[in-house]
Amino acid sequence: MAEFEFAGMTFKGGKAAIVFTALSTLGGASWAVFEFYADYMNMKEIVENIDVGAIDARNAVIETKLDEAIDYTRDIKNSLKDDITRIERVSDATSGRVKDIQNDIDTRLREVSDLSRETEKDVRDTMGDLEDRIETKMDKLETSLEDKLQKALDNPLAD
């Protein structure tokens, strides 16, 4: 059976395994504490060497650029808003002009249509009057010719 002595005490068998496990755990924990402390000291050195002024200066530059970008974006937004408003006004004015032109065209088309109807009526009336006059003159001419023909037939030697 295995046996060993530590700090004036002798350990045998299962107790030796327990002591060995406890010692190895204690050694591992000591090593972990040492590594943690070493990392802490390295980080402390790194943190002490950080140039806070440079970081503040860099942050100030970034904040300035960010503020400029925000102002520029705001200017673009306002400019676009003004452009949209101007386009809406132009569109409204153009719509108004188009409506006025459409109304003017409609009015003129009605006037032309009315004038065309009046002209057509006048032409019909004039043609009717002309037909009546021609017919009247034709009737007179026919009567005159019939009279002359009758006279010539009644007295072939007269005239």
Protein backbone atom coordinates (compact mmCIF):
# COMPACT_ATOMS: atom_id res chain seq x y z
CA MET A 1 0.00 0.00 0.00
CA ALA A 2 1.17 3.54 -0.76
CA GLU A 3 2.23 5.66 2.06
CA PHE A 4 3.83 9.10 2.38
CA GLU A 5 4.67 11.65 5.01
CA PHE A 6 3.80 15.34 4.86
CA ALA A 7 4.29 17.98 7.58
CA GLY A 8 5.18 15.34 10.11
CA MET A 9 2.12 13.23 9.40
CA THR A 10 1.97 9.91 7.69
CA PHE A 11 -0.78 9.14 5.24
CA LYS A 12 -1.75 5.70 3.97
CA GLY A 13 -4.15 4.38 1.36
CA GLY A 14 -7.33 6.39 0.68
CA LYS A 15 -6.23 9.22 2.93
CA ALA A 16 -3.11 9.62 0.79
CA ALA A 17 -5.30 10.02 -2.33
CA ILE A 18 -7.42 12.62 -0.58
CA VAL A 19 -4.34 14.56 0.58
CA PHE A 20 -2.81 14.28 -2.90
CA THR A 21 -6.06 15.59 -4.46
CA ALA A 22 -6.24 18.41 -1.92
CA LEU A 23 -2.61 19.38 -2.52
CA SER A 24 -3.00 19.31 -6.30
CA THR A 25 -6.19 21.40 -6.05
CA LEU A 26 -4.36 23.85 -3.79
CA GLY A 27 -1.47 23.99 -6.26
CA GLY A 28 -3.81 24.54 -9.19
CA ALA A 29 -5.70 27.26 -7.33
CA SER A 30 -2.37 28.93 -6.43
CA TRP A 31 -1.29 28.81 -10.07
CA ALA A 32 -4.68 30.29 -11.19
CA VAL A 33 -4.35 33.10 -8.61
CA PHE A 34 -0.81 33.79 -9.82
CA GLU A 35 -1.94 33.93 -13.49
CA PHE A 36 -4.89 36.14 -12.58
CA TYR A 37 -2.57 38.46 -10.67
CA ALA A 38 -0.11 38.54 -13.59
CA ASP A 39 -2.94 39.41 -16.03
CA TYR A 40 -4.15 42.06 -13.61
CA MET A 41 -0.69 43.60 -13.39
CA ASN A 42 -0.34 43.55 -17.22
CA MET A 43 -3.74 45.21 -17.61
CA LYS A 44 -2.87 47.74 -14.93
CA GLU A 45 0.23 48.66 -16.90
CA ILE A 46 -1.75 48.91 -20.13
CA VAL A 47 -4.45 51.02 -18.48
CA GLU A 48 -1.83 53.30 -16.94
CA ASN A 49 -0.24 53.79 -20.36
CA ILE A 50 -3.54 54.72 -22.07
CA ASP A 51 -3.42 58.31 -23.33
CA VAL A 52 -6.78 59.62 -22.14
CA GLY A 53 -6.08 63.00 -23.74
CA ALA A 54 -5.67 61.38 -27.18
CA ILE A 55 -8.91 59.43 -26.70
CA ASP A 56 -10.72 62.61 -25.61
CA ALA A 57 -9.30 64.48 -28.61
CA ARG A 58 -10.34 61.67 -30.98
CA ASN A 59 -13.82 61.58 -29.40
CA ALA A 60 -14.06 65.37 -29.79
CA VAL A 61 -13.16 65.07 -33.50
CA ILE A 62 -15.73 62.29 -33.95
CA GLU A 63 -18.41 64.33 -32.13
CA THR A 64 -17.60 67.37 -34.29
CA LYS A 65 -17.87 65.32 -37.48
CA LEU A 66 -21.08 63.73 -36.22
CA ASP A 67 -22.56 67.15 -35.43
CA GLU A 68 -21.52 68.38 -38.90
CA ALA A 69 -23.10 65.30 -40.49
CA ILE A 70 -26.31 65.88 -38.52
CA ASP A 71 -26.37 69.56 -39.57
CA TYR A 72 -25.70 68.59 -43.19
CA THR A 73 -28.46 65.98 -43.08
CA ARG A 74 -30.83 68.52 -41.55
CA ASP A 75 -29.93 71.02 -44.31
CA ILE A 76 -30.58 68.37 -46.97
CA LYS A 77 -33.92 67.50 -45.35
CA ASN A 78 -34.96 71.16 -45.21
CA SER A 79 -33.81 71.71 -48.79
CA LEU A 80 -35.80 68.68 -49.96
CA LYS A 81 -38.82 69.90 -48.01
CA ASP A 82 -38.51 73.32 -49.70
CA ASP A 83 -38.13 71.66 -53.11
CA ILE A 84 -41.24 69.54 -52.52
CA THR A 85 -43.20 72.60 -51.40
CA ARG A 86 -42.04 74.53 -54.47
CA ILE A 87 -42.96 71.61 -56.76
CA GLU A 88 -46.40 71.39 -55.14
CA ARG A 89 -46.96 75.14 -55.70
CA VAL A 90 -45.83 74.86 -59.33
CA SER A 91 -48.04 71.80 -59.80
CA ASP A 92 -51.04 73.58 -58.26
CA ALA A 93 -50.43 76.65 -60.42
CA THR A 94 -50.04 74.48 -63.52
CA SER A 95 -53.22 72.59 -62.67
CA GLY A 96 -55.02 75.90 -62.29
CA ARG A 97 -53.72 77.10 -65.65
CA VAL A 98 -54.65 73.82 -67.32
CA LYS A 99 -58.17 74.07 -65.85
CA ASP A 100 -58.43 77.67 -67.05
CA ILE A 101 -57.24 76.65 -70.52
CA GLN A 102 -59.64 73.70 -70.55
CA ASN A 103 -62.51 75.98 -69.52
CA ASP A 104 -61.48 78.51 -72.19
CA ILE A 105 -61.31 75.75 -74.82
CA ASP A 106 -64.69 74.39 -73.74
CA THR A 107 -66.20 77.90 -73.93
CA ARG A 108 -64.70 78.51 -77.36
CA LEU A 109 -65.87 75.11 -78.62
CA ARG A 110 -69.41 75.93 -77.43
CA GLU A 111 -69.18 79.31 -79.14
CA VAL A 112 -67.91 77.72 -82.36
CA SER A 113 -70.64 75.10 -82.16
CA ASP A 114 -73.29 77.77 -81.57
CA LEU A 115 -71.86 79.87 -84.40
CA SER A 116 -71.78 76.83 -86.66
CA ARG A 117 -75.44 76.08 -85.88
CA GLU A 118 -76.39 79.71 -86.50
CA THR A 119 -74.40 79.77 -89.75
CA GLU A 120 -76.00 76.52 -90.87
CA LYS A 121 -79.48 77.95 -90.08
CA ASP A 122 -78.64 81.18 -91.91
CA VAL A 123 -77.39 79.21 -94.94
CA ARG A 124 -80.58 77.09 -94.91
CA ASP A 125 -82.72 80.22 -94.62
CA THR A 126 -80.76 81.96 -97.38
CA MET A 127 -80.98 78.89 -99.59
CA GLY A 128 -84.73 78.67 -98.93
CA ASP A 129 -85.18 82.35 -99.81
CA LEU A 130 -83.03 81.90 -102.92
CA GLU A 131 -85.08 78.85 -103.96
CA ASP A 132 -88.30 80.82 -103.44
CA ARG A 133 -87.03 83.77 -105.52
CA ILE A 134 -85.76 81.48 -108.26
CA GLU A 135 -89.07 79.63 -108.29
CA THR A 136 -91.00 82.91 -108.39
CA LYS A 137 -88.86 84.22 -111.25
CA MET A 138 -89.17 80.88 -113.04
CA ASP A 139 -92.95 81.07 -112.66
CA LYS A 140 -92.95 84.64 -114.06
CA LEU A 141 -90.66 83.61 -116.90
CA GLU A 142 -92.83 80.60 -117.66
CA THR A 143 -95.98 82.76 -117.64
CA SER A 144 -94.31 85.36 -119.84
CA LEU A 145 -93.13 82.69 -122.29
CA GLU A 146 -96.55 81.07 -122.32
CA ASP A 147 -98.16 84.46 -122.99
CA LYS A 148 -95.75 85.23 -125.81
CA LEU A 149 -96.19 81.76 -127.24
CA GLN A 150 -99.98 82.07 -127.02
CA LYS A 151 -99.87 85.48 -128.70
CA ALA A 152 -97.65 84.07 -131.43
CA LEU A 153 -100.01 81.17 -131.92
CA ASP A 154 -103.07 83.41 -131.83
CA ASN A 155 -101.74 85.87 -134.34
CA PRO A 156 -98.74 84.69 -136.19
CA LEU A 157 -98.42 87.97 -138.13
CA ALA A 158 -98.50 90.34 -135.22
CA ASP A 159 -95.20 91.54 -134.05
